[in-house]
Structure formats: C-alpha cells, structure tokens
PDB file of all heavy atoms in Angstrom:
ATOM      1  N   ARG A   1      44.385  97.694 125.503  1.00  0.00           N
ATOM      2  CA  ARG A   1      43.493  98.864 125.462  1.00  0.00           C
ATOM      3  C   ARG A   1      43.606  99.673 126.754  1.00  0.00           C
ATOM      4  O   ARG A   1      43.633 100.913 126.724  1.00  0.00           O
ATOM      5  CB  ARG A   1      42.050  98.416 125.218  1.00  0.00           C
ATOM      6  CG  ARG A   1      41.791  97.910 123.805  1.00  0.00           C
ATOM      7  CD  ARG A   1      40.315  97.680 123.547  1.00  0.00           C
ATOM      8  NE  ARG A   1      39.824  96.479 124.224  1.00  0.00           N
ATOM      9  CZ  ARG A   1      39.870  95.261 123.704  1.00  0.00           C
ATOM     10  NH1 ARG A   1      40.404  95.065 122.511  1.00  0.00           N
ATOM     11  NH2 ARG A   1      39.389  94.220 124.372  1.00  0.00           N
ATOM     12  N   ARG A   2      43.673  98.982 127.875  1.00  0.00           N
ATOM     13  CA  ARG A   2      43.827  99.674 129.164  1.00  0.00           C
ATOM     14  C   ARG A   2      45.178 100.396 129.225  1.00  0.00           C
ATOM     15  O   ARG A   2      45.276 101.511 129.728  1.00  0.00           O
ATOM     16  CB  ARG A   2      43.738  98.670 130.309  1.00  0.00           C
ATOM     17  CG  ARG A   2      42.397  97.954 130.434  1.00  0.00           C
ATOM     18  CD  ARG A   2      41.456  98.646 131.378  1.00  0.00           C
ATOM     19  NE  ARG A   2      40.250  97.861 131.561  1.00  0.00           N
ATOM     20  CZ  ARG A   2      40.059  96.992 132.551  1.00  0.00           C
ATOM     21  NH1 ARG A   2      41.016  96.775 133.437  1.00  0.00           N
ATOM     22  NH2 ARG A   2      38.924  96.328 132.646  1.00  0.00           N
ATOM     23  N   TYR A   3      46.201  99.725 128.739  1.00  0.00           N
ATOM     24  CA  TYR A   3      47.535 100.343 128.744  1.00  0.00           C
ATOM     25  C   TYR A   3      47.507 101.643 127.947  1.00  0.00           C
ATOM     26  O   TYR A   3      48.024 102.677 128.395  1.00  0.00           O
ATOM     27  CB  TYR A   3      48.573  99.388 128.169  1.00  0.00           C
ATOM     28  CG  TYR A   3      49.997  99.893 128.334  1.00  0.00           C
ATOM     29  CD1 TYR A   3      50.787  99.461 129.392  1.00  0.00           C
ATOM     30  CD2 TYR A   3      50.528 100.843 127.456  1.00  0.00           C
ATOM     31  CE1 TYR A   3      52.079  99.942 129.571  1.00  0.00           C
ATOM     32  CE2 TYR A   3      51.804 101.332 127.631  1.00  0.00           C
ATOM     33  CZ  TYR A   3      52.589 100.888 128.680  1.00  0.00           C
ATOM     34  OH  TYR A   3      53.847 101.393 128.859  1.00  0.00           O
ATOM     35  N   ASP A   4      46.934 101.609 126.777  1.00  0.00           N
ATOM     36  CA  ASP A   4      46.842 102.797 125.936  1.00  0.00           C
ATOM     37  C   ASP A   4      46.088 103.910 126.654  1.00  0.00           C
ATOM     38  O   ASP A   4      46.474 105.085 126.589  1.00  0.00           O
ATOM     39  CB  ASP A   4      46.146 102.439 124.621  1.00  0.00           C
ATOM     40  CG  ASP A   4      46.129 103.595 123.644  1.00  0.00           C
ATOM     41  OD1 ASP A   4      47.207 104.002 123.175  1.00  0.00           O
ATOM     42  OD2 ASP A   4      45.024 104.118 123.357  1.00  0.00           O
ATOM     43  N   ARG A   5      45.041 103.534 127.369  1.00  0.00           N
ATOM     44  CA  ARG A   5      44.219 104.515 128.094  1.00  0.00           C
ATOM     45  C   ARG A   5      45.018 105.232 129.173  1.00  0.00           C
ATOM     46  O   ARG A   5      44.932 106.459 129.324  1.00  0.00           O
ATOM     47  CB  ARG A   5      43.023 103.790 128.728  1.00  0.00           C
ATOM     48  CG  ARG A   5      42.315 104.514 129.874  1.00  0.00           C
ATOM     49  CD  ARG A   5      41.463 105.666 129.373  1.00  0.00           C
ATOM     50  NE  ARG A   5      40.753 106.287 130.461  1.00  0.00           N
ATOM     51  CZ  ARG A   5      41.241 107.249 131.252  1.00  0.00           C
ATOM     52  NH1 ARG A   5      42.489 107.681 131.054  1.00  0.00           N
ATOM     53  NH2 ARG A   5      40.520 107.774 132.225  1.00  0.00           N
ATOM     54  N   TRP A   6      45.848 104.505 129.929  1.00  0.00           N
ATOM     55  CA  TRP A   6      46.501 105.086 131.095  1.00  0.00           C
ATOM     56  C   TRP A   6      47.940 105.533 130.862  1.00  0.00           C
ATOM     57  O   TRP A   6      48.441 106.370 131.603  1.00  0.00           O
ATOM     58  CB  TRP A   6      46.454 104.101 132.261  1.00  0.00           C
ATOM     59  CG  TRP A   6      45.083 103.962 132.834  1.00  0.00           C
ATOM     60  CD1 TRP A   6      44.205 102.935 132.656  1.00  0.00           C
ATOM     61  CD2 TRP A   6      44.399 104.922 133.639  1.00  0.00           C
ATOM     62  NE1 TRP A   6      43.026 103.177 133.302  1.00  0.00           N
ATOM     63  CE2 TRP A   6      43.111 104.401 133.917  1.00  0.00           C
ATOM     64  CE3 TRP A   6      44.740 106.176 134.161  1.00  0.00           C
ATOM     65  CZ2 TRP A   6      42.186 105.083 134.693  1.00  0.00           C
ATOM     66  CZ3 TRP A   6      43.809 106.857 134.935  1.00  0.00           C
ATOM     67  CH2 TRP A   6      42.559 106.310 135.189  1.00  0.00           C
ATOM     68  N   PHE A   7      48.596 105.011 129.850  1.00  0.00           N
ATOM     69  CA  PHE A   7      50.008 105.340 129.643  1.00  0.00           C
ATOM     70  C   PHE A   7      50.290 106.159 128.387  1.00  0.00           C
ATOM     71  O   PHE A   7      51.351 106.769 128.274  1.00  0.00           O
ATOM     72  CB  PHE A   7      50.848 104.062 129.611  1.00  0.00           C
ATOM     73  CG  PHE A   7      50.862 103.324 130.909  1.00  0.00           C
ATOM     74  CD1 PHE A   7      49.942 102.329 131.178  1.00  0.00           C
ATOM     75  CD2 PHE A   7      51.796 103.636 131.888  1.00  0.00           C
ATOM     76  CE1 PHE A   7      49.946 101.648 132.389  1.00  0.00           C
ATOM     77  CE2 PHE A   7      51.814 102.965 133.101  1.00  0.00           C
ATOM     78  CZ  PHE A   7      50.887 101.977 133.347  1.00  0.00           C
ATOM     79  N   MET A   8      49.359 106.169 127.452  1.00  0.00           N
ATOM     80  CA  MET A   8      49.603 106.861 126.192  1.00  0.00           C
ATOM     81  C   MET A   8      48.686 108.059 125.966  1.00  0.00           C
ATOM     82  O   MET A   8      48.972 108.917 125.123  1.00  0.00           O
ATOM     83  CB  MET A   8      49.453 105.875 125.025  1.00  0.00           C
ATOM     84  CG  MET A   8      50.419 104.697 125.070  1.00  0.00           C
ATOM     85  SD  MET A   8      52.161 105.198 125.095  1.00  0.00           S
ATOM     86  CE  MET A   8      52.307 105.897 123.450  1.00  0.00           C
ATOM     87  N   LYS A   9      47.585 108.121 126.684  1.00  0.00           N
ATOM     88  CA  LYS A   9      46.624 109.216 126.517  1.00  0.00           C
ATOM     89  C   LYS A   9      46.586 110.103 127.759  1.00  0.00           C
ATOM     90  O   LYS A   9      47.099 109.743 128.816  1.00  0.00           O
ATOM     91  CB  LYS A   9      45.235 108.649 126.218  1.00  0.00           C
ATOM     92  CG  LYS A   9      45.156 107.895 124.901  1.00  0.00           C
ATOM     93  CD  LYS A   9      43.763 107.373 124.641  1.00  0.00           C
ATOM     94  CE  LYS A   9      43.693 106.651 123.307  1.00  0.00           C
ATOM     95  NZ  LYS A   9      42.348 106.075 123.037  1.00  0.00           N
ATOM     96  N   ALA A  10      45.967 111.267 127.612  1.00  0.00           N
ATOM     97  CA  ALA A  10      45.840 112.201 128.741  1.00  0.00           C
ATOM     98  C   ALA A  10      44.956 111.591 129.822  1.00  0.00           C
ATOM     99  O   ALA A  10      43.918 110.985 129.528  1.00  0.00           O
ATOM    100  CB  ALA A  10      45.252 113.521 128.264  1.00  0.00           C
ATOM    101  N   VAL A  11      45.388 111.746 131.081  1.00  0.00           N
ATOM    102  CA  VAL A  11      44.637 111.175 132.199  1.00  0.00           C
ATOM    103  C   VAL A  11      44.324 112.260 133.228  1.00  0.00           C
ATOM    104  O   VAL A  11      45.009 113.278 133.306  1.00  0.00           O
ATOM    105  CB  VAL A  11      45.435 110.033 132.867  1.00  0.00           C
ATOM    106  CG1 VAL A  11      45.670 108.902 131.881  1.00  0.00           C
ATOM    107  CG2 VAL A  11      46.760 110.531 133.425  1.00  0.00           C
ATOM    108  N   PRO A  12      43.262 112.047 134.026  1.00  0.00           N
ATOM    109  CA  PRO A  12      42.934 112.997 135.090  1.00  0.00           C
ATOM    110  C   PRO A  12      44.036 113.020 136.140  1.00  0.00           C
ATOM    111  O   PRO A  12      44.831 112.079 136.227  1.00  0.00           O
ATOM    112  CB  PRO A  12      41.630 112.412 135.672  1.00  0.00           C
ATOM    113  CG  PRO A  12      41.140 111.430 134.651  1.00  0.00           C
ATOM    114  CD  PRO A  12      42.353 110.915 133.957  1.00  0.00           C
ATOM    115  N   PRO A  13      44.075 114.051 136.998  1.00  0.00           N
ATOM    116  CA  PRO A  13      43.127 115.178 137.020  1.00  0.00           C
ATOM    117  C   PRO A  13      43.555 116.356 136.141  1.00  0.00           C
ATOM    118  O   PRO A  13      42.787 117.270 135.945  1.00  0.00           O
ATOM    119  CB  PRO A  13      43.151 115.591 138.504  1.00  0.00           C
ATOM    120  CG  PRO A  13      44.565 115.288 138.921  1.00  0.00           C
ATOM    121  CD  PRO A  13      44.964 114.037 138.177  1.00  0.00           C
ATOM    122  N   ASN A  14      44.782 116.335 135.618  1.00  0.00           N
ATOM    123  CA  ASN A  14      45.298 117.488 134.877  1.00  0.00           C
ATOM    124  C   ASN A  14      45.431 117.242 133.380  1.00  0.00           C
ATOM    125  O   ASN A  14      46.080 118.015 132.677  1.00  0.00           O
ATOM    126  CB  ASN A  14      46.669 117.894 135.443  1.00  0.00           C
ATOM    127  CG  ASN A  14      46.588 118.299 136.899  1.00  0.00           C
ATOM    128  OD1 ASN A  14      45.646 118.956 137.320  1.00  0.00           O
ATOM    129  ND2 ASN A  14      47.568 117.881 137.690  1.00  0.00           N
ATOM    130  N   ASN A  15      44.809 116.151 132.905  1.00  0.00           N
ATOM    131  CA  ASN A  15      44.855 115.807 131.476  1.00  0.00           C
ATOM    132  C   ASN A  15      46.291 115.743 130.953  1.00  0.00           C
ATOM    133  O   ASN A  15      46.620 116.292 129.896  1.00  0.00           O
ATOM    134  CB  ASN A  15      44.038 116.803 130.657  1.00  0.00           C
ATOM    135  CG  ASN A  15      42.552 116.677 130.932  1.00  0.00           C
ATOM    136  OD1 ASN A  15      42.041 115.561 131.075  1.00  0.00           O
ATOM    137  ND2 ASN A  15      41.856 117.795 131.026  1.00  0.00           N
ATOM    138  N   LEU A  16      47.142 115.054 131.700  1.00  0.00           N
ATOM    139  CA  LEU A  16      48.537 114.872 131.327  1.00  0.00           C
ATOM    140  C   LEU A  16      48.733 113.510 130.674  1.00  0.00           C
ATOM    141  O   LEU A  16      48.092 112.533 131.058  1.00  0.00           O
ATOM    142  CB  LEU A  16      49.430 114.960 132.565  1.00  0.00           C
ATOM    143  CG  LEU A  16      49.367 116.268 133.349  1.00  0.00           C
ATOM    144  CD1 LEU A  16      50.091 116.113 134.679  1.00  0.00           C
ATOM    145  CD2 LEU A  16      49.981 117.404 132.540  1.00  0.00           C
ATOM    146  N   SER A  17      49.618 113.447 129.702  1.00  0.00           N
ATOM    147  CA  SER A  17      49.941 112.181 129.054  1.00  0.00           C
ATOM    148  C   SER A  17      51.385 111.815 129.364  1.00  0.00           C
ATOM    149  O   SER A  17      52.293 112.623 129.155  1.00  0.00           O
ATOM    150  CB  SER A  17      49.756 112.280 127.536  1.00  0.00           C
ATOM    151  OG  SER A  17      50.201 111.099 126.903  1.00  0.00           O
ATOM    152  N   LEU A  18      51.599 110.592 129.859  1.00  0.00           N
ATOM    153  CA  LEU A  18      52.956 110.141 130.138  1.00  0.00           C
ATOM    154  C   LEU A  18      53.674 109.727 128.859  1.00  0.00           C
ATOM    155  O   LEU A  18      54.891 109.806 128.775  1.00  0.00           O
ATOM    156  CB  LEU A  18      52.930 108.955 131.105  1.00  0.00           C
ATOM    157  CG  LEU A  18      52.332 109.218 132.484  1.00  0.00           C
ATOM    158  CD1 LEU A  18      52.449 107.968 133.338  1.00  0.00           C
ATOM    159  CD2 LEU A  18      53.022 110.386 133.160  1.00  0.00           C
ATOM    160  N   ALA A  19      52.909 109.266 127.863  1.00  0.00           N
ATOM    161  CA  ALA A  19      53.467 108.846 126.570  1.00  0.00           C
ATOM    162  C   ALA A  19      54.615 107.855 126.754  1.00  0.00           C
ATOM    163  O   ALA A  19      55.701 108.025 126.225  1.00  0.00           O
ATOM    164  CB  ALA A  19      53.923 110.060 125.763  1.00  0.00           C
ATOM    165  N   VAL A  20      54.345 106.794 127.535  1.00  0.00           N
ATOM    166  CA  VAL A  20      55.342 105.758 127.798  1.00  0.00           C
ATOM    167  C   VAL A  20      54.922 104.476 127.069  1.00  0.00           C
ATOM    168  O   VAL A  20      53.991 103.791 127.511  1.00  0.00           O
ATOM    169  CB  VAL A  20      55.481 105.484 129.308  1.00  0.00           C
ATOM    170  CG1 VAL A  20      56.459 104.348 129.558  1.00  0.00           C
ATOM    171  CG2 VAL A  20      55.918 106.740 130.037  1.00  0.00           C
ATOM    172  N   PRO A  21      55.565 104.147 125.955  1.00  0.00           N
ATOM    173  CA  PRO A  21      55.197 102.933 125.210  1.00  0.00           C
ATOM    174  C   PRO A  21      55.433 101.675 126.038  1.00  0.00           C
ATOM    175  O   PRO A  21      56.245 101.665 126.960  1.00  0.00           O
ATOM    176  CB  PRO A  21      56.113 102.967 123.983  1.00  0.00           C
ATOM    177  CG  PRO A  21      56.594 104.381 123.885  1.00  0.00           C
ATOM    178  CD  PRO A  21      56.650 104.887 125.300  1.00  0.00           C
ATOM    179  N   MET A  22      54.741 100.620 125.683  1.00  0.00           N
ATOM    180  CA  MET A  22      54.903  99.344 126.372  1.00  0.00           C
ATOM    181  C   MET A  22      56.315  98.800 126.163  1.00  0.00           C
ATOM    182  O   MET A  22      56.830  98.800 125.050  1.00  0.00           O
ATOM    183  CB  MET A  22      53.865  98.340 125.850  1.00  0.00           C
ATOM    184  CG  MET A  22      53.755  97.086 126.676  1.00  0.00           C
ATOM    185  SD  MET A  22      52.454  95.947 126.068  1.00  0.00           S
ATOM    186  CE  MET A  22      50.968  96.905 126.438  1.00  0.00           C
ATOM    187  N   SER A  23      56.939  98.348 127.251  1.00  0.00           N
ATOM    188  CA  SER A  23      58.300  97.825 127.176  1.00  0.00           C
ATOM    189  C   SER A  23      58.323  96.471 126.477  1.00  0.00           C
ATOM    190  O   SER A  23      57.301  95.772 126.383  1.00  0.00           O
ATOM    191  CB  SER A  23      58.883  97.675 128.581  1.00  0.00           C
ATOM    192  OG  SER A  23      58.185  96.664 129.299  1.00  0.00           O
ATOM    193  N   GLN A  24      59.504  96.081 126.017  1.00  0.00           N
ATOM    194  CA  GLN A  24      59.647  94.773 125.380  1.00  0.00           C
ATOM    195  C   GLN A  24      59.372  93.652 126.379  1.00  0.00           C
ATOM    196  O   GLN A  24      58.799  92.613 126.021  1.00  0.00           O
ATOM    197  CB  GLN A  24      61.061  94.630 124.799  1.00  0.00           C
ATOM    198  CG  GLN A  24      61.339  95.534 123.614  1.00  0.00           C
ATOM    199  CD  GLN A  24      60.357  95.336 122.474  1.00  0.00           C
ATOM    200  OE1 GLN A  24      60.056  94.200 122.082  1.00  0.00           O
ATOM    201  NE2 GLN A  24      59.835  96.436 121.952  1.00  0.00           N
ATOM    202  N   GLU A  25      59.758  93.859 127.644  1.00  0.00           N
ATOM    203  CA  GLU A  25      59.507  92.851 128.672  1.00  0.00           C
ATOM    204  C   GLU A  25      58.010  92.630 128.867  1.00  0.00           C
ATOM    205  O   GLU A  25      57.552  91.484 129.001  1.00  0.00           O
ATOM    206  CB  GLU A  25      60.139  93.263 130.001  1.00  0.00           C
ATOM    207  CG  GLU A  25      61.659  93.262 129.998  1.00  0.00           C
ATOM    208  CD  GLU A  25      62.251  94.595 129.558  1.00  0.00           C
ATOM    209  OE1 GLU A  25      61.499  95.483 129.086  1.00  0.00           O
ATOM    210  OE2 GLU A  25      63.474  94.739 129.676  1.00  0.00           O
ATOM    211  N   LEU A  26      57.249  93.723 128.876  1.00  0.00           N
ATOM    212  CA  LEU A  26      55.810  93.589 129.074  1.00  0.00           C
ATOM    213  C   LEU A  26      55.145  92.976 127.846  1.00  0.00           C
ATOM    214  O   LEU A  26      54.244  92.133 127.973  1.00  0.00           O
ATOM    215  CB  LEU A  26      55.186  94.956 129.387  1.00  0.00           C
ATOM    216  CG  LEU A  26      53.681  94.946 129.678  1.00  0.00           C
ATOM    217  CD1 LEU A  26      53.332  93.930 130.761  1.00  0.00           C
ATOM    218  CD2 LEU A  26      53.204  96.342 130.078  1.00  0.00           C
ATOM    219  N   LYS A  27      55.578  93.380 126.657  1.00  0.00           N
ATOM    220  CA  LYS A  27      55.027  92.780 125.439  1.00  0.00           C
ATOM    221  C   LYS A  27      55.218  91.265 125.458  1.00  0.00           C
ATOM    222  O   LYS A  27      54.308  90.506 125.092  1.00  0.00           O
ATOM    223  CB  LYS A  27      55.699  93.378 124.209  1.00  0.00           C
ATOM    224  CG  LYS A  27      55.274  94.801 123.891  1.00  0.00           C
ATOM    225  CD  LYS A  27      55.996  95.314 122.651  1.00  0.00           C
ATOM    226  CE  LYS A  27      55.584  96.746 122.328  1.00  0.00           C
ATOM    227  NZ  LYS A  27      56.307  97.263 121.133  1.00  0.00           N
ATOM    228  N   ALA A  28      56.395  90.835 125.892  1.00  0.00           N
ATOM    229  CA  ALA A  28      56.663  89.398 125.964  1.00  0.00           C
ATOM    230  C   ALA A  28      55.757  88.717 126.979  1.00  0.00           C
ATOM    231  O   ALA A  28      55.273  87.598 126.764  1.00  0.00           O
ATOM    232  CB  ALA A  28      58.129  89.157 126.319  1.00  0.00           C
ATOM    233  N   ASN A  29      55.487  89.402 128.101  1.00  0.00           N
ATOM    234  CA  ASN A  29      54.688  88.768 129.145  1.00  0.00           C
ATOM    235  C   ASN A  29      53.199  88.718 128.823  1.00  0.00           C
ATOM    236  O   ASN A  29      52.451  88.011 129.488  1.00  0.00           O
ATOM    237  CB  ASN A  29      54.901  89.454 130.502  1.00  0.00           C
ATOM    238  CG  ASN A  29      54.790  88.463 131.638  1.00  0.00           C
ATOM    239  OD1 ASN A  29      55.304  87.348 131.547  1.00  0.00           O
ATOM    240  ND2 ASN A  29      54.091  88.846 132.704  1.00  0.00           N
ATOM    241  N   LEU A  30      52.768  89.461 127.814  1.00  0.00           N
ATOM    242  CA  LEU A  30      51.384  89.320 127.367  1.00  0.00           C
ATOM    243  C   LEU A  30      51.141  87.910 126.826  1.00  0.00           C
ATOM    244  O   LEU A  30      50.000  87.440 126.798  1.00  0.00           O
ATOM    245  CB  LEU A  30      51.062  90.350 126.282  1.00  0.00           C
ATOM    246  CG  LEU A  30      51.104  91.823 126.687  1.00  0.00           C
ATOM    247  CD1 LEU A  30      50.616  92.704 125.553  1.00  0.00           C
ATOM    248  CD2 LEU A  30      50.298  92.086 127.957  1.00  0.00           C
ATOM    249  N   LYS A  31      52.215  87.241 126.415  1.00  0.00           N
ATOM    250  CA  LYS A  31      52.115  85.866 125.923  1.00  0.00           C
ATOM    251  C   LYS A  31      52.645  84.850 126.932  1.00  0.00           C
ATOM    252  O   LYS A  31      52.118  83.737 127.037  1.00  0.00           O
ATOM    253  CB  LYS A  31      52.897  85.729 124.616  1.00  0.00           C
ATOM    254  CG  LYS A  31      52.359  86.605 123.486  1.00  0.00           C
ATOM    255  CD  LYS A  31      53.199  86.451 122.224  1.00  0.00           C
ATOM    256  CE  LYS A  31      52.657  87.345 121.101  1.00  0.00           C
ATOM    257  NZ  LYS A  31      53.479  87.222 119.865  1.00  0.00           N
ATOM    258  N   GLU A  32      53.662  85.245 127.682  1.00  0.00           N
ATOM    259  CA  GLU A  32      54.301  84.291 128.602  1.00  0.00           C
ATOM    260  C   GLU A  32      53.553  84.146 129.927  1.00  0.00           C
ATOM    261  O   GLU A  32      53.629  83.108 130.583  1.00  0.00           O
ATOM    262  CB  GLU A  32      55.744  84.740 128.866  1.00  0.00           C
ATOM    263  CG  GLU A  32      56.633  84.685 127.634  1.00  0.00           C
ATOM    264  CD  GLU A  32      57.983  85.336 127.851  1.00  0.00           C
ATOM    265  OE1 GLU A  32      58.252  85.802 128.997  1.00  0.00           O
ATOM    266  OE2 GLU A  32      58.785  85.415 126.902  1.00  0.00           O
TER     267      GLU A  32
END
C-alpha cells in the first residue's frame, strides 16, 4: 500500500506520478 502511494500515484509537492511498478526483485523480497 505504501509503495502504491509513493511510486504509482501523484505525490507532493507538484502532484507528479513516477508510475514505476514494483520490480521482480522487490516482489520476491516481500517473501524472502
């Protein structure tokens, strides 16, 4: 949920969205 908030949605101060999906390495480390 935090990842979606900061990497996929618009963030301050200019309401810009990076739109960077979670990498396969990070997805794996959510379990490892």
